[in-house]
Amino acid sequence: MQIKYYFKTKHRRDPDNYSGKMLLDPLVREGILADDSFDVVTLLLSAECDKDNPRTEIDVKEVKV
């Protein structure tokens, strides 16, 4: 799972403040993810600046093991 934040400004931000908890819990609640534990989710966080279109993009991919 990749969470990519596009912020309006280039201010310094700490990744631990954007860990995705507020995004993962609803995905579990809605049945998109079975669980949000390390057994189920590999999480990649990144950020860029887009002053014209700030947003958060979430990419969920199923990986068969």
N, C-alpha and C. Protein backbone atom coordinates (compact mmCIF):
# COMPACT_ATOMS: atom_id res chain seq x y z
N MET A 1 0.84 -1.16 0.00
CA MET A 1 0.00 0.00 0.00
C MET A 1 0.89 1.23 0.00
N GLN A 2 0.57 2.17 -0.87
CA GLN A 2 1.34 3.41 -0.92
C GLN A 2 0.41 4.58 -0.63
N ILE A 3 0.86 5.45 0.26
CA ILE A 3 0.15 6.69 0.54
C ILE A 3 1.06 7.83 0.11
N LYS A 4 0.57 8.63 -0.81
CA LYS A 4 1.36 9.76 -1.30
C LYS A 4 0.61 11.05 -1.01
N TYR A 5 1.25 11.90 -0.24
CA TYR A 5 0.67 13.19 0.11
C TYR A 5 1.20 14.25 -0.83
N TYR A 6 0.33 15.08 -1.34
CA TYR A 6 0.70 16.24 -2.14
C TYR A 6 0.29 17.47 -1.33
N PHE A 7 1.29 18.14 -0.76
CA PHE A 7 1.03 19.30 0.08
C PHE A 7 1.05 20.58 -0.75
N LYS A 8 0.36 21.58 -0.25
CA LYS A 8 0.28 22.86 -0.93
C LYS A 8 1.60 23.64 -0.84
N THR A 9 2.36 23.41 0.23
CA THR A 9 3.63 24.11 0.43
C THR A 9 4.75 23.10 0.67
N LYS A 10 5.97 23.58 0.59
CA LYS A 10 7.15 22.72 0.80
C LYS A 10 7.65 22.76 2.24
N HIS A 11 6.81 23.11 3.19
CA HIS A 11 7.23 23.13 4.59
C HIS A 11 7.76 21.76 5.02
N ARG A 12 8.65 21.77 5.96
CA ARG A 12 9.20 20.53 6.51
C ARG A 12 8.09 19.80 7.28
N ARG A 13 7.96 18.51 7.02
CA ARG A 13 6.96 17.70 7.71
C ARG A 13 7.59 16.39 8.16
N ASP A 14 7.18 15.92 9.32
CA ASP A 14 7.68 14.65 9.84
C ASP A 14 6.79 13.51 9.36
N PRO A 15 7.37 12.48 8.75
CA PRO A 15 6.57 11.36 8.25
C PRO A 15 5.75 10.67 9.33
N ASP A 16 6.25 10.64 10.56
CA ASP A 16 5.49 9.95 11.60
C ASP A 16 4.16 10.63 11.91
N ASN A 17 4.01 11.89 11.53
CA ASN A 17 2.72 12.57 11.71
C ASN A 17 1.74 12.22 10.59
N TYR A 18 2.22 11.53 9.58
CA TYR A 18 1.39 11.15 8.44
C TYR A 18 1.47 9.65 8.20
N SER A 19 1.47 8.89 9.27
CA SER A 19 1.67 7.44 9.20
C SER A 19 0.54 6.70 8.50
N GLY A 20 -0.59 7.36 8.35
CA GLY A 20 -1.69 6.72 7.63
C GLY A 20 -2.74 6.08 8.51
N LYS A 21 -2.60 6.13 9.83
CA LYS A 21 -3.58 5.50 10.72
C LYS A 21 -4.99 5.97 10.41
N MET A 22 -5.14 7.28 10.20
CA MET A 22 -6.47 7.82 9.94
C MET A 22 -7.01 7.36 8.59
N LEU A 23 -6.16 6.81 7.75
CA LEU A 23 -6.58 6.28 6.45
C LEU A 23 -6.77 4.76 6.50
N LEU A 24 -5.92 4.07 7.25
CA LEU A 24 -5.99 2.61 7.29
C LEU A 24 -7.23 2.11 8.04
N ASP A 25 -7.56 2.72 9.16
CA ASP A 25 -8.71 2.25 9.94
C ASP A 25 -10.01 2.23 9.13
N PRO A 26 -10.33 3.28 8.38
CA PRO A 26 -11.56 3.21 7.56
C PRO A 26 -11.49 2.15 6.45
N LEU A 27 -10.29 1.90 5.91
CA LEU A 27 -10.16 0.87 4.88
C LEU A 27 -10.44 -0.51 5.46
N VAL A 28 -10.05 -0.74 6.70
CA VAL A 28 -10.37 -2.00 7.38
C VAL A 28 -11.86 -2.06 7.67
N ARG A 29 -12.41 -0.98 8.21
CA ARG A 29 -13.83 -0.93 8.57
C ARG A 29 -14.73 -1.19 7.35
N GLU A 30 -14.32 -0.71 6.18
CA GLU A 30 -15.12 -0.89 4.97
C GLU A 30 -14.83 -2.19 4.23
N GLY A 31 -13.91 -3.01 4.77
CA GLY A 31 -13.63 -4.31 4.18
C GLY A 31 -12.66 -4.28 3.01
N ILE A 32 -12.03 -3.14 2.75
CA ILE A 32 -11.05 -3.05 1.67
C ILE A 32 -9.76 -3.75 2.07
N LEU A 33 -9.39 -3.62 3.34
CA LEU A 33 -8.26 -4.37 3.91
C LEU A 33 -8.80 -5.33 4.96
N ALA A 34 -8.23 -6.53 5.00
CA ALA A 34 -8.66 -7.50 6.01
C ALA A 34 -8.24 -7.06 7.41
N ASP A 35 -7.08 -6.40 7.49
CA ASP A 35 -6.50 -5.99 8.76
C ASP A 35 -5.45 -4.94 8.43
N ASP A 36 -5.03 -4.17 9.44
CA ASP A 36 -3.98 -3.18 9.17
C ASP A 36 -2.70 -3.50 9.94
N SER A 37 -2.48 -4.79 10.18
CA SER A 37 -1.27 -5.23 10.87
C SER A 37 -0.13 -5.40 9.87
N PHE A 38 1.09 -5.56 10.38
CA PHE A 38 2.24 -5.80 9.52
C PHE A 38 2.11 -7.11 8.73
N ASP A 39 1.29 -8.03 9.23
CA ASP A 39 1.07 -9.30 8.51
C ASP A 39 0.31 -9.07 7.20
N VAL A 40 -0.43 -7.99 7.12
CA VAL A 40 -1.29 -7.73 5.97
C VAL A 40 -0.81 -6.55 5.13
N VAL A 41 -0.27 -5.53 5.77
CA VAL A 41 0.04 -4.27 5.08
C VAL A 41 1.54 -3.98 5.07
N THR A 42 2.05 -3.70 3.89
CA THR A 42 3.36 -3.10 3.72
C THR A 42 3.09 -1.67 3.28
N LEU A 43 3.59 -0.73 4.05
CA LEU A 43 3.23 0.67 3.84
C LEU A 43 4.40 1.48 3.35
N LEU A 44 4.18 2.22 2.28
CA LEU A 44 5.17 3.13 1.73
C LEU A 44 4.58 4.53 1.75
N LEU A 45 5.28 5.46 2.42
CA LEU A 45 4.83 6.85 2.51
C LEU A 45 5.75 7.73 1.68
N SER A 46 5.15 8.71 1.01
CA SER A 46 5.95 9.69 0.29
C SER A 46 5.17 11.00 0.23
N ALA A 47 5.90 12.06 -0.13
CA ALA A 47 5.26 13.37 -0.20
C ALA A 47 5.91 14.23 -1.27
N GLU A 48 5.09 15.07 -1.87
CA GLU A 48 5.54 16.04 -2.86
C GLU A 48 4.75 17.33 -2.64
N CYS A 49 5.12 18.34 -3.39
CA CYS A 49 4.42 19.62 -3.33
C CYS A 49 3.61 19.80 -4.61
N ASP A 50 2.34 20.15 -4.45
CA ASP A 50 1.49 20.51 -5.59
C ASP A 50 0.58 21.63 -5.11
N LYS A 51 1.05 22.86 -5.27
CA LYS A 51 0.33 24.01 -4.71
C LYS A 51 -1.03 24.21 -5.37
N ASP A 52 -1.21 23.73 -6.58
CA ASP A 52 -2.48 23.90 -7.28
C ASP A 52 -3.50 22.79 -7.00
N ASN A 53 -3.01 21.64 -6.56
CA ASN A 53 -3.91 20.50 -6.35
C ASN A 53 -3.43 19.64 -5.17
N PRO A 54 -3.43 20.19 -3.94
CA PRO A 54 -3.03 19.38 -2.79
C PRO A 54 -4.03 18.24 -2.60
N ARG A 55 -3.48 17.05 -2.26
CA ARG A 55 -4.35 15.88 -2.14
C ARG A 55 -3.59 14.74 -1.48
N THR A 56 -4.30 13.67 -1.24
CA THR A 56 -3.70 12.43 -0.77
C THR A 56 -4.13 11.32 -1.71
N GLU A 57 -3.17 10.57 -2.21
CA GLU A 57 -3.47 9.44 -3.09
C GLU A 57 -3.12 8.15 -2.36
N ILE A 58 -4.02 7.19 -2.43
CA ILE A 58 -3.82 5.89 -1.79
C ILE A 58 -3.87 4.83 -2.87
N ASP A 59 -2.83 4.03 -2.95
CA ASP A 59 -2.75 2.95 -3.92
C ASP A 59 -2.66 1.63 -3.16
N VAL A 60 -3.69 0.81 -3.29
CA VAL A 60 -3.74 -0.48 -2.61
C VAL A 60 -3.59 -1.57 -3.66
N LYS A 61 -2.59 -2.43 -3.47
CA LYS A 61 -2.38 -3.54 -4.40
C LYS A 61 -2.40 -4.84 -3.63
N GLU A 62 -3.10 -5.81 -4.17
CA GLU A 62 -3.11 -7.13 -3.57
C GLU A 62 -1.91 -7.90 -4.05
N VAL A 63 -1.22 -8.51 -3.12
CA VAL A 63 -0.06 -9.32 -3.44
C VAL A 63 -0.34 -10.75 -2.96
N LYS A 64 -0.29 -11.68 -3.88
CA LYS A 64 -0.47 -13.08 -3.52
C LYS A 64 0.84 -13.65 -3.01
N VAL A 65 0.79 -14.35 -1.88
CA VAL A 65 2.00 -14.96 -1.34
C VAL A 65 1.90 -16.45 -1.33
